[in-house]
């Protein structure tokens, strides 16, 4: 099974360059620290979109199962792990104002999705 988890977020005003530097210095380590069954695909700046409330950045993680969601959550909760430490450092750049644009989605590969044609 294959999933893509998407996180859309906004960086605090005045922290764009520091955020970019942090990713340049830490993105490779962050990718390696992801738990089994997950693969960090990267963080991307939004060039254009029709969605105006999903944030200027998107991070994408590939998951091999629903269980990978639990492993990801457990790794994030563990502040002593490399993943937990880096996740906490990185999250300092986020704008958590309730009005700041953000998004979250989970997408399942079409070939793994249960589909059927309804009777007409």
N, C-alpha and C. Protein backbone atom coordinates (compact mmCIF):
# COMPACT_ATOMS: atom_id res chain seq x y z
N UNK A 1 0.84 -1.17 0.00
CA UNK A 1 0.00 0.00 0.00
C UNK A 1 0.89 1.24 0.00
N UNK A 2 0.45 2.28 -0.66
CA UNK A 2 1.23 3.52 -0.70
C UNK A 2 0.33 4.70 -0.40
N UNK A 3 0.85 5.57 0.47
CA UNK A 3 0.18 6.81 0.84
C UNK A 3 1.17 7.95 0.71
N UNK A 4 0.64 9.14 0.52
CA UNK A 4 1.41 10.37 0.64
C UNK A 4 0.71 11.22 1.68
N UNK A 5 1.46 11.63 2.69
CA UNK A 5 0.93 12.53 3.71
C UNK A 5 1.46 13.93 3.39
N UNK A 6 0.55 14.89 3.36
CA UNK A 6 0.90 16.28 3.02
C UNK A 6 0.61 17.16 4.22
N UNK A 7 1.58 18.01 4.53
CA UNK A 7 1.41 19.04 5.56
C UNK A 7 1.65 20.39 4.89
N UNK A 8 0.67 21.26 4.91
CA UNK A 8 0.84 22.61 4.42
C UNK A 8 0.97 23.54 5.61
N UNK A 9 1.88 24.48 5.52
CA UNK A 9 2.11 25.36 6.67
C UNK A 9 2.61 26.72 6.25
N UNK A 10 2.58 27.63 7.21
CA UNK A 10 3.05 28.99 7.03
C UNK A 10 4.22 29.21 7.97
N UNK A 11 5.24 29.89 7.49
CA UNK A 11 6.40 30.24 8.32
C UNK A 11 6.16 31.63 8.91
N UNK A 12 6.59 31.82 10.15
CA UNK A 12 6.44 33.12 10.81
C UNK A 12 7.08 34.23 9.97
N UNK A 13 6.46 35.38 9.98
CA UNK A 13 6.99 36.55 9.28
C UNK A 13 8.39 36.85 9.82
N UNK A 14 9.32 37.08 8.92
CA UNK A 14 10.70 37.39 9.31
C UNK A 14 11.57 36.15 9.52
N UNK A 15 11.00 34.95 9.30
CA UNK A 15 11.77 33.72 9.52
C UNK A 15 11.98 32.90 8.24
N UNK A 16 11.60 33.45 7.10
CA UNK A 16 11.70 32.72 5.82
C UNK A 16 13.14 32.30 5.51
N UNK A 17 14.08 33.22 5.63
CA UNK A 17 15.47 32.90 5.29
C UNK A 17 16.07 31.93 6.30
N UNK A 18 15.78 32.11 7.57
CA UNK A 18 16.28 31.19 8.61
C UNK A 18 15.69 29.80 8.39
N UNK A 19 14.42 29.73 8.00
CA UNK A 19 13.77 28.45 7.71
C UNK A 19 14.47 27.76 6.54
N UNK A 20 14.74 28.51 5.50
CA UNK A 20 15.43 27.95 4.34
C UNK A 20 16.82 27.44 4.72
N UNK A 21 17.55 28.21 5.52
CA UNK A 21 18.89 27.78 5.98
C UNK A 21 18.78 26.50 6.81
N UNK A 22 17.78 26.45 7.72
CA UNK A 22 17.63 25.27 8.57
C UNK A 22 17.40 24.03 7.70
N UNK A 23 16.52 24.15 6.71
CA UNK A 23 16.27 23.00 5.84
C UNK A 23 17.52 22.62 5.05
N UNK A 24 18.26 23.60 4.55
CA UNK A 24 19.47 23.30 3.80
C UNK A 24 20.48 22.53 4.67
N UNK A 25 20.54 22.87 5.94
CA UNK A 25 21.49 22.23 6.86
C UNK A 25 20.97 20.91 7.44
N UNK A 26 19.67 20.73 7.51
CA UNK A 26 19.12 19.60 8.26
C UNK A 26 18.21 18.65 7.49
N UNK A 27 17.82 19.00 6.28
CA UNK A 27 16.84 18.19 5.57
C UNK A 27 17.31 16.75 5.35
N UNK A 28 18.57 16.57 5.02
CA UNK A 28 19.10 15.23 4.81
C UNK A 28 19.06 14.40 6.10
N UNK A 29 19.47 15.01 7.20
CA UNK A 29 19.42 14.32 8.50
C UNK A 29 17.97 13.99 8.88
N UNK A 30 17.07 14.93 8.63
CA UNK A 30 15.66 14.73 8.93
C UNK A 30 15.10 13.56 8.13
N UNK A 31 15.46 13.47 6.87
CA UNK A 31 15.00 12.37 6.02
C UNK A 31 15.50 11.03 6.56
N UNK A 32 16.77 10.97 6.95
CA UNK A 32 17.33 9.72 7.48
C UNK A 32 16.71 9.32 8.81
N UNK A 33 16.24 10.29 9.58
CA UNK A 33 15.68 10.03 10.91
C UNK A 33 14.24 9.52 10.87
N UNK A 34 13.61 9.56 9.73
CA UNK A 34 12.22 9.10 9.63
C UNK A 34 12.13 7.61 9.97
N UNK A 35 11.05 7.21 10.64
CA UNK A 35 10.92 5.81 11.05
C UNK A 35 10.68 4.86 9.87
N UNK A 36 10.85 3.58 10.17
CA UNK A 36 10.62 2.52 9.20
C UNK A 36 9.22 2.65 8.60
N UNK A 37 9.15 2.42 7.29
CA UNK A 37 7.86 2.48 6.61
C UNK A 37 7.47 3.87 6.15
N UNK A 38 8.34 4.86 6.42
CA UNK A 38 8.08 6.23 5.99
C UNK A 38 9.29 6.73 5.20
N UNK A 39 9.03 7.60 4.27
CA UNK A 39 10.10 8.18 3.45
C UNK A 39 9.78 9.66 3.22
N UNK A 40 10.61 10.52 3.80
CA UNK A 40 10.44 11.96 3.62
C UNK A 40 10.79 12.31 2.18
N UNK A 41 9.83 12.89 1.47
CA UNK A 41 10.03 13.24 0.06
C UNK A 41 10.58 14.65 -0.11
N UNK A 42 10.32 15.51 0.87
CA UNK A 42 10.85 16.87 0.79
C UNK A 42 9.83 17.91 1.19
N UNK A 43 10.33 19.11 1.32
CA UNK A 43 9.50 20.28 1.62
C UNK A 43 9.63 21.24 0.45
N UNK A 44 8.50 21.73 0.00
CA UNK A 44 8.44 22.54 -1.21
C UNK A 44 7.73 23.85 -0.95
N UNK A 45 8.22 24.91 -1.58
CA UNK A 45 7.53 26.20 -1.55
C UNK A 45 6.44 26.16 -2.62
N UNK A 46 5.29 26.72 -2.31
CA UNK A 46 4.19 26.75 -3.26
C UNK A 46 4.48 27.80 -4.33
N UNK A 47 4.52 27.38 -5.56
CA UNK A 47 4.75 28.30 -6.68
C UNK A 47 3.41 28.88 -7.12
N UNK A 48 2.42 28.03 -7.34
CA UNK A 48 1.06 28.50 -7.56
C UNK A 48 0.09 27.39 -7.15
N UNK A 49 -1.09 27.82 -6.76
CA UNK A 49 -2.14 26.91 -6.33
C UNK A 49 -3.47 27.63 -6.39
N UNK A 50 -4.55 26.87 -6.48
CA UNK A 50 -5.87 27.48 -6.41
C UNK A 50 -6.36 27.53 -4.97
N UNK A 51 -5.68 26.83 -4.08
CA UNK A 51 -6.04 26.79 -2.66
C UNK A 51 -5.34 27.93 -1.93
N UNK A 52 -6.12 28.86 -1.41
CA UNK A 52 -5.55 30.06 -0.79
C UNK A 52 -5.33 29.93 0.71
N UNK A 53 -5.76 28.83 1.31
CA UNK A 53 -5.67 28.69 2.77
C UNK A 53 -4.84 27.50 3.22
N UNK A 54 -3.90 27.04 2.40
CA UNK A 54 -3.17 25.83 2.77
C UNK A 54 -1.70 26.09 3.10
N UNK A 55 -1.30 27.34 3.17
CA UNK A 55 0.08 27.67 3.53
C UNK A 55 0.99 27.79 2.32
N UNK A 56 2.14 28.41 2.54
CA UNK A 56 3.10 28.64 1.45
C UNK A 56 4.07 27.50 1.26
N UNK A 57 4.08 26.54 2.16
CA UNK A 57 5.00 25.41 2.10
C UNK A 57 4.22 24.12 2.22
N UNK A 58 4.76 23.05 1.61
CA UNK A 58 4.19 21.71 1.74
C UNK A 58 5.33 20.74 2.00
N UNK A 59 5.12 19.88 2.99
CA UNK A 59 6.03 18.77 3.24
C UNK A 59 5.30 17.49 2.88
N UNK A 60 6.03 16.57 2.25
CA UNK A 60 5.44 15.32 1.80
C UNK A 60 6.22 14.13 2.34
N UNK A 61 5.49 13.16 2.87
CA UNK A 61 6.08 11.93 3.38
C UNK A 61 5.33 10.76 2.76
N UNK A 62 6.08 9.80 2.21
CA UNK A 62 5.47 8.59 1.68
C UNK A 62 5.38 7.57 2.82
N UNK A 63 4.24 6.88 2.90
CA UNK A 63 4.00 5.88 3.93
C UNK A 63 3.67 4.55 3.26
N UNK A 64 4.10 3.46 3.87
CA UNK A 64 3.82 2.15 3.27
C UNK A 64 2.59 1.46 3.85
N UNK A 65 1.95 2.09 4.84
CA UNK A 65 0.79 1.47 5.47
C UNK A 65 0.13 2.46 6.43
N UNK A 66 -1.05 2.10 6.89
CA UNK A 66 -1.67 2.91 7.94
C UNK A 66 -0.85 2.84 9.22
N UNK A 67 -0.21 1.69 9.47
CA UNK A 67 0.62 1.52 10.67
C UNK A 67 1.79 2.50 10.68
N UNK A 68 2.25 2.91 9.51
CA UNK A 68 3.35 3.88 9.43
C UNK A 68 2.95 5.22 10.06
N UNK A 69 1.66 5.54 10.01
CA UNK A 69 1.18 6.76 10.67
C UNK A 69 1.44 6.69 12.17
N UNK A 70 1.21 5.52 12.75
CA UNK A 70 1.46 5.34 14.18
C UNK A 70 2.95 5.43 14.50
N UNK A 71 3.79 4.83 13.66
CA UNK A 71 5.24 4.91 13.88
C UNK A 71 5.73 6.35 13.77
N UNK A 72 5.17 7.09 12.83
CA UNK A 72 5.54 8.50 12.67
C UNK A 72 5.13 9.31 13.89
N UNK A 73 3.93 9.07 14.39
CA UNK A 73 3.45 9.78 15.58
C UNK A 73 4.31 9.44 16.80
N UNK A 74 4.66 8.17 16.96
CA UNK A 74 5.49 7.77 18.11
C UNK A 74 6.87 8.39 18.02
N UNK A 75 7.44 8.43 16.83
CA UNK A 75 8.76 9.03 16.65
C UNK A 75 8.72 10.53 16.94
N UNK A 76 7.66 11.19 16.54
CA UNK A 76 7.53 12.63 16.80
C UNK A 76 7.37 12.90 18.29
N UNK A 77 6.70 12.00 18.99
CA UNK A 77 6.47 12.18 20.43
C UNK A 77 7.75 12.01 21.24
N UNK A 78 8.69 11.21 20.74
CA UNK A 78 9.93 10.91 21.45
C UNK A 78 10.95 12.03 21.25
N UNK A 79 10.98 12.96 22.18
CA UNK A 79 11.88 14.12 22.07
C UNK A 79 13.35 13.73 22.12
N UNK A 80 13.66 12.53 22.62
CA UNK A 80 15.06 12.11 22.72
C UNK A 80 15.58 11.48 21.42
N UNK A 81 14.67 11.17 20.48
CA UNK A 81 15.10 10.60 19.19
C UNK A 81 15.58 11.71 18.26
N UNK A 82 16.38 11.34 17.29
CA UNK A 82 16.85 12.32 16.30
C UNK A 82 15.66 12.93 15.55
N UNK A 83 14.70 12.09 15.19
CA UNK A 83 13.50 12.59 14.50
C UNK A 83 12.75 13.58 15.38
N UNK A 84 12.52 13.21 16.64
CA UNK A 84 11.80 14.09 17.56
C UNK A 84 12.52 15.41 17.78
N UNK A 85 13.84 15.33 17.94
CA UNK A 85 14.64 16.55 18.14
C UNK A 85 14.55 17.47 16.93
N UNK A 86 14.79 16.92 15.75
CA UNK A 86 14.76 17.73 14.53
C UNK A 86 13.36 18.27 14.26
N UNK A 87 12.36 17.47 14.51
CA UNK A 87 10.98 17.91 14.31
C UNK A 87 10.66 19.11 15.21
N UNK A 88 11.14 19.08 16.45
CA UNK A 88 10.91 20.19 17.38
C UNK A 88 11.66 21.44 16.94
N UNK A 89 12.89 21.28 16.49
CA UNK A 89 13.65 22.44 15.98
C UNK A 89 12.93 23.07 14.81
N UNK A 90 12.54 22.23 13.86
CA UNK A 90 11.91 22.72 12.63
C UNK A 90 10.58 23.39 12.93
N UNK A 91 9.81 22.83 13.86
CA UNK A 91 8.49 23.37 14.15
C UNK A 91 8.55 24.78 14.74
N UNK A 92 9.70 25.20 15.22
CA UNK A 92 9.85 26.56 15.77
C UNK A 92 9.63 27.63 14.70
N UNK A 93 9.74 27.26 13.43
CA UNK A 93 9.55 28.23 12.34
C UNK A 93 8.07 28.41 11.98
N UNK A 94 7.22 27.51 12.42
CA UNK A 94 5.82 27.55 12.03
C UNK A 94 5.05 28.70 12.66
N UNK A 95 4.07 29.18 11.92
CA UNK A 95 3.15 30.20 12.42
C UNK A 95 1.90 29.47 12.89
N UNK A 96 1.70 29.45 14.20
CA UNK A 96 0.60 28.68 14.78
C UNK A 96 -0.60 29.53 15.16
N UNK A 97 -0.63 30.77 14.66
CA UNK A 97 -1.82 31.60 14.83
C UNK A 97 -2.99 30.85 14.21
N UNK A 98 -4.13 30.85 14.87
CA UNK A 98 -5.29 30.12 14.36
C UNK A 98 -5.76 30.60 13.00
N UNK A 99 -5.36 31.81 12.60
CA UNK A 99 -5.74 32.34 11.29
C UNK A 99 -4.69 32.08 10.22
N UNK A 100 -3.54 31.54 10.59
CA UNK A 100 -2.48 31.28 9.62
C UNK A 100 -2.89 30.10 8.72
N UNK A 101 -2.66 30.22 7.42
CA UNK A 101 -3.01 29.14 6.50
C UNK A 101 -2.23 27.86 6.79
N UNK A 102 -2.90 26.73 6.70
CA UNK A 102 -2.28 25.42 6.87
C UNK A 102 -3.17 24.38 6.20
N UNK A 103 -2.65 23.18 6.06
CA UNK A 103 -3.45 22.08 5.49
C UNK A 103 -2.83 20.76 5.91
N UNK A 104 -3.61 19.74 5.78
CA UNK A 104 -3.12 18.40 6.04
C UNK A 104 -3.95 17.43 5.21
N UNK A 105 -3.27 16.49 4.56
CA UNK A 105 -4.00 15.53 3.75
C UNK A 105 -3.29 14.19 3.73
N UNK A 106 -4.05 13.15 3.50
CA UNK A 106 -3.51 11.81 3.32
C UNK A 106 -4.08 11.28 2.01
N UNK A 107 -3.20 10.89 1.12
CA UNK A 107 -3.60 10.46 -0.23
C UNK A 107 -3.16 9.02 -0.44
N UNK A 108 -4.06 8.20 -0.94
CA UNK A 108 -3.79 6.79 -1.15
C UNK A 108 -3.64 6.54 -2.65
N UNK A 109 -2.65 5.72 -3.02
CA UNK A 109 -2.43 5.39 -4.42
C UNK A 109 -3.70 4.78 -5.01
N UNK A 110 -4.05 5.18 -6.20
CA UNK A 110 -5.28 4.71 -6.83
C UNK A 110 -5.26 3.18 -6.97
N UNK A 111 -4.11 2.60 -7.30
CA UNK A 111 -4.05 1.15 -7.49
C UNK A 111 -4.27 0.40 -6.17
N UNK A 112 -4.13 1.06 -5.03
CA UNK A 112 -4.34 0.45 -3.72
C UNK A 112 -5.69 0.80 -3.10
N UNK A 113 -6.46 1.63 -3.80
CA UNK A 113 -7.73 2.13 -3.26
C UNK A 113 -8.87 1.18 -3.61
N UNK A 114 -9.78 0.97 -2.67
CA UNK A 114 -10.97 0.16 -2.92
C UNK A 114 -11.97 1.02 -3.67
N UNK A 115 -12.24 0.63 -4.90
CA UNK A 115 -13.17 1.36 -5.77
C UNK A 115 -14.14 0.38 -6.40
N UNK A 116 -15.34 0.82 -6.70
CA UNK A 116 -16.31 0.03 -7.45
C UNK A 116 -17.27 0.98 -8.14
N UNK A 117 -17.81 0.49 -9.21
CA UNK A 117 -18.83 1.26 -9.94
C UNK A 117 -20.18 0.96 -9.31
N UNK A 118 -20.90 1.98 -8.88
CA UNK A 118 -22.24 1.73 -8.30
C UNK A 118 -23.21 1.30 -9.40
N UNK A 119 -24.22 0.53 -9.00
CA UNK A 119 -25.23 0.14 -10.00
C UNK A 119 -25.98 1.37 -10.48
N UNK A 120 -26.34 1.35 -11.73
CA UNK A 120 -27.05 2.49 -12.31
C UNK A 120 -28.53 2.25 -12.31
